[in-house]
Amino acid sequence: MSTKLDTAQLRQLDQAHYLHPFTNLQTTASKGRIISRAEHVCIYDSDDNKLLDGIIRPVCCNLGYSQTSIKDAITAQLQELPFYNSFFQCANQPAVELAARPSRVTPAQFNHVFFTNPAPEANDTNLRLVQRVATTC
């Protein structure tokens, strides 16, 4: 574990090395908040100010932070198999079980799932799938 840095040190490192999306690189980063922890629907900055998280929660943490059942499930999976890719016809039990779930509630023609990372990769993959279908028809 690294040495705990104070807010000024973190902001200095932030300004020197971290590129933030949608920001003026000359002025914004050194004035931003450094978020250090989260609990339920609140975040805490490096000065221990408690803030209601109304920005990212719907995107990444829609069930809130510190959900014990989620942390326990993640921990158990990390101990068994943290990750394995699906290239070269490989699969793993959690991915196979998760892929089967949507077919229980969707129309019959929607019975396959393709997992991706965030939107840019998903969009790129979608374009490739459409192109492949278009060239095979």
Foldseek 3Di string as FASTA:
>chain_A
DDDDDALQVVLVCQLVPPDDPPDDSVPPSSPDFAWDDFFFQWTATRVRDIDGDPDCCVPPPVRGPPPPVVVVVQVVCCVVPNDDDCPPNDDDDVVVVVLQVVCVPDPVVPRGDDDDDDDVGVVVVVVVVVVVVVVVD
